[in-house]
Amino acid sequence: MSYEHLNSFERKAIYYRHNSGESYRSIGRLLNRHHTTIMREVKRNKPPYYTYFDESAEDLAVERKKKPRHAKKFSNKTLYQHVVHKLQEGWSPDAIAGRLKKNHPNDKGKCVSHETIYQWVIKDYQVGGELYKALPKRHKKRKKQRKYGDLRGKIKNRVSIHERPDIVEKRSRIGDWEGDLVEGKKGSGYIVTHVD
């Protein structure tokens, strides 16, 4: 099940129930959330020396969403300098991210994704830096990745299987072909099937 952020209605319920002394577990059951989610919400958004307040918690959550994840990692200067050093040694962002994950499997503060590294390179370029020159292919900007879903329905002059003649369903003649192409894991090859 994918995680969904708390909404303003849930924060309002937490405000009333937490401040009336209700437990995190009880609030979690009411909202169909894990009790640690409620506890983190209160600890993260409760101002010092004051009680939890839903409106200020909502404002803080909105501000956090505006700040991209790569910017949060960027503030970790040791991690950033390590990444820059590895780029200058000729490592690719994928290799750097993979090695960090392997060396620090349980410490997210010492790990970074390849996407974040690319965002750092782009950010550096935007302020006049030349970190992009350390990339293996040296692109100032990344090409937009094409997703496989974007390729569907792009065959020129194709005819949908739903528009084929009724006689094809009878399978009484030769020459009515159906074809399919499946790509395996990158670099492993393709499988083509043709059925008459």
Protein backbone atom coordinates (compact mmCIF):
# COMPACT_ATOMS: atom_id res chain seq x y z
CA MET A 1 0.00 0.00 0.00
CA SER A 2 1.43 3.40 -0.97
CA TYR A 3 1.85 6.06 1.70
CA GLU A 4 -0.31 9.19 1.58
CA HIS A 5 0.55 12.37 3.43
CA LEU A 6 -1.73 13.53 6.20
CA ASN A 7 -4.37 16.01 5.09
CA SER A 8 -5.85 19.04 6.86
CA PHE A 9 -8.88 17.06 8.11
CA GLU A 10 -6.59 14.49 9.75
CA ARG A 11 -4.45 17.22 11.29
CA LYS A 12 -7.58 18.84 12.73
CA ALA A 13 -8.56 15.50 14.33
CA ILE A 14 -5.02 15.07 15.72
CA TYR A 15 -5.17 18.61 17.15
CA TYR A 16 -8.42 18.04 19.05
CA ARG A 17 -7.72 14.50 20.21
CA HIS A 18 -4.01 14.88 21.07
CA ASN A 19 -4.63 18.03 23.07
CA SER A 20 -7.47 16.35 24.96
CA GLY A 21 -5.02 13.64 26.10
CA GLU A 22 -5.91 10.83 23.70
CA SER A 23 -3.11 8.36 22.91
CA TYR A 24 -1.33 8.10 19.56
CA ARG A 25 -2.65 4.56 19.14
CA SER A 26 -6.24 5.65 19.68
CA ILE A 27 -5.91 8.53 17.20
CA GLY A 28 -4.22 6.19 14.71
CA ARG A 29 -7.10 3.70 14.94
CA LEU A 30 -9.62 6.50 14.38
CA LEU A 31 -7.79 7.79 11.27
CA ASN A 32 -6.76 4.33 10.03
CA ARG A 33 -3.09 5.32 10.38
CA HIS A 34 -0.18 3.72 12.20
CA HIS A 35 0.37 5.25 15.63
CA THR A 36 3.98 6.14 14.73
CA THR A 37 2.66 8.30 11.87
CA ILE A 38 0.64 10.31 14.39
CA MET A 39 3.59 10.53 16.79
CA ARG A 40 5.96 11.74 14.03
CA GLU A 41 3.40 14.32 12.89
CA VAL A 42 3.10 15.79 16.39
CA LYS A 43 6.86 15.78 17.08
CA ARG A 44 7.73 17.22 13.67
CA ASN A 45 5.16 20.01 13.66
CA LYS A 46 4.74 20.90 17.33
CA PRO A 47 6.40 24.25 18.06
CA PRO A 48 8.72 24.36 21.08
CA TYR A 49 6.97 25.27 24.34
CA TYR A 50 3.54 25.21 22.67
CA THR A 51 0.91 22.61 21.97
CA TYR A 52 0.34 20.97 18.57
CA PHE A 53 -1.83 23.19 16.36
CA ASP A 54 -3.27 21.88 13.09
CA GLU A 55 -3.09 25.10 11.05
CA SER A 56 0.57 25.79 11.80
CA ALA A 57 1.32 22.07 11.21
CA GLU A 58 -0.35 22.32 7.78
CA ASP A 59 1.73 25.43 6.93
CA LEU A 60 4.96 23.67 7.94
CA ALA A 61 4.06 20.59 5.86
CA VAL A 62 3.35 22.75 2.78
CA GLU A 63 6.71 24.51 3.18
CA ARG A 64 8.53 21.17 3.45
CA LYS A 65 6.89 19.93 0.24
CA LYS A 66 8.19 22.97 -1.63
CA LYS A 67 11.78 22.08 -0.78
CA PRO A 68 13.00 19.34 -3.15
CA ARG A 69 14.71 16.30 -1.69
CA HIS A 70 17.93 16.92 -3.60
CA ALA A 71 18.17 20.33 -1.89
CA LYS A 72 17.98 18.66 1.53
CA LYS A 73 20.81 16.28 0.61
CA PHE A 74 22.74 19.21 -0.91
CA SER A 75 23.05 20.74 2.55
CA ASN A 76 25.10 17.69 3.61
CA LYS A 77 28.45 19.15 2.52
CA THR A 78 30.47 16.00 3.27
CA LEU A 79 28.20 13.91 1.06
CA TYR A 80 28.19 16.56 -1.68
CA GLN A 81 31.99 16.84 -1.69
CA HIS A 82 32.30 13.04 -1.86
CA VAL A 83 30.00 12.95 -4.88
CA VAL A 84 31.90 15.77 -6.63
CA HIS A 85 35.21 13.99 -5.95
CA LYS A 86 33.91 10.75 -7.44
CA LEU A 87 32.50 12.56 -10.49
CA GLN A 88 35.89 14.16 -11.08
CA GLU A 89 37.49 10.70 -10.86
CA GLY A 90 35.25 9.64 -13.77
CA TRP A 91 32.55 7.76 -11.89
CA SER A 92 29.01 7.89 -13.27
CA PRO A 93 26.12 9.08 -11.04
CA ASP A 94 24.70 5.53 -11.11
CA ALA A 95 28.00 4.05 -9.92
CA ILE A 96 28.36 6.63 -7.13
CA ALA A 97 24.81 6.10 -5.89
CA GLY A 98 25.20 2.32 -6.06
CA ARG A 99 28.48 2.30 -4.15
CA LEU A 100 27.11 4.59 -1.42
CA LYS A 101 24.08 2.35 -1.00
CA LYS A 102 26.30 -0.73 -0.78
CA ASN A 103 28.71 0.86 1.72
CA HIS A 104 25.98 2.44 3.90
CA PRO A 105 22.87 0.25 3.55
CA ASN A 106 21.30 1.43 6.82
CA ASP A 107 22.31 5.10 6.79
CA LYS A 108 20.16 7.22 4.46
CA GLY A 109 22.14 10.30 5.44
CA LYS A 110 25.17 8.89 3.63
CA CYS A 111 23.27 7.76 0.53
CA VAL A 112 22.01 9.65 -2.47
CA SER A 113 20.16 8.60 -5.63
CA HIS A 114 21.61 8.99 -9.12
CA GLU A 115 18.70 11.34 -9.91
CA THR A 116 19.74 13.63 -7.05
CA ILE A 117 23.32 13.70 -8.37
CA TYR A 118 22.04 14.75 -11.80
CA GLN A 119 19.97 17.49 -10.13
CA TRP A 120 23.12 18.74 -8.36
CA VAL A 121 25.00 18.81 -11.69
CA ILE A 122 22.15 20.78 -13.32
CA LYS A 123 22.01 23.19 -10.39
CA ASP A 124 25.78 23.69 -10.60
CA TYR A 125 25.54 24.40 -14.35
CA GLN A 126 22.75 26.95 -13.79
CA VAL A 127 25.07 29.03 -11.59
CA GLY A 128 27.93 28.86 -14.10
CA GLY A 129 29.67 25.73 -12.81
CA GLU A 130 31.32 23.11 -14.97
CA LEU A 131 30.57 19.98 -12.99
CA TYR A 132 28.69 18.61 -16.01
CA LYS A 133 32.06 18.20 -17.74
CA ALA A 134 32.85 15.44 -15.26
CA LEU A 135 29.88 13.39 -16.46
CA PRO A 136 30.82 10.55 -18.83
CA LYS A 137 28.71 12.01 -21.68
CA ARG A 138 29.11 15.67 -20.64
CA HIS A 139 25.56 16.86 -21.23
CA LYS A 140 24.74 20.29 -19.85
CA LYS A 141 21.12 19.24 -19.72
CA ARG A 142 19.67 15.78 -19.54
CA LYS A 143 17.55 14.45 -22.34
CA LYS A 144 14.01 13.75 -21.26
CA GLN A 145 13.65 10.04 -20.68
CA ARG A 146 11.07 8.33 -22.89
CA LYS A 147 8.84 5.96 -21.03
CA TYR A 148 7.70 2.74 -22.63
CA GLY A 149 4.08 3.78 -22.18
CA ASP A 150 4.73 6.76 -24.49
CA LEU A 151 5.55 4.41 -27.37
CA ARG A 152 2.20 2.64 -27.42
CA GLY A 153 0.00 3.46 -30.36
CA LYS A 154 2.82 5.19 -32.26
CA ILE A 155 3.13 2.63 -35.10
CA LYS A 156 2.41 4.40 -38.36
CA ASN A 157 -0.76 3.26 -40.17
CA ARG A 158 -1.46 0.64 -37.54
CA VAL A 159 -4.88 -0.97 -37.33
CA SER A 160 -6.34 -1.82 -33.95
CA ILE A 161 -7.10 -5.47 -33.24
CA HIS A 162 -10.66 -4.34 -32.53
CA GLU A 163 -11.09 -3.13 -36.13
CA ARG A 164 -10.15 -6.41 -37.82
CA PRO A 165 -12.77 -8.08 -40.08
CA ASP A 166 -15.16 -10.62 -38.57
CA ILE A 167 -13.83 -13.36 -40.88
CA VAL A 168 -10.56 -13.35 -38.94
CA GLU A 169 -12.40 -14.67 -35.87
CA LYS A 170 -13.51 -17.75 -37.88
CA ARG A 171 -9.85 -18.68 -38.54
CA SER A 172 -10.87 -20.18 -41.86
CA ARG A 173 -8.18 -18.61 -44.06
CA ILE A 174 -4.41 -18.14 -44.06
CA GLY A 175 -2.71 -14.76 -43.92
CA ASP A 176 -4.32 -12.96 -40.98
CA TRP A 177 -1.28 -12.34 -38.82
CA GLU A 178 -0.96 -11.02 -35.30
CA GLY A 179 2.43 -9.94 -34.01
CA ASP A 180 3.89 -8.90 -30.69
CA LEU A 181 7.29 -7.66 -29.53
CA VAL A 182 8.55 -7.94 -25.96
CA GLU A 183 11.79 -6.35 -24.77
CA GLY A 184 13.64 -8.16 -21.98
CA LYS A 185 15.86 -6.64 -19.34
CA LYS A 186 18.09 -3.97 -20.87
CA GLY A 187 20.61 -5.57 -23.16
CA SER A 188 19.18 -9.07 -22.83
CA GLY A 189 17.30 -9.05 -26.14
CA TYR A 190 13.81 -9.22 -27.59
CA ILE A 191 11.15 -11.84 -28.26
CA VAL A 192 8.97 -11.52 -31.36
CA THR A 193 5.86 -13.65 -31.81
CA HIS A 194 3.81 -14.00 -35.00
CA VAL A 195 0.60 -16.01 -35.05
CA ASP A 196 -1.44 -16.79 -38.18
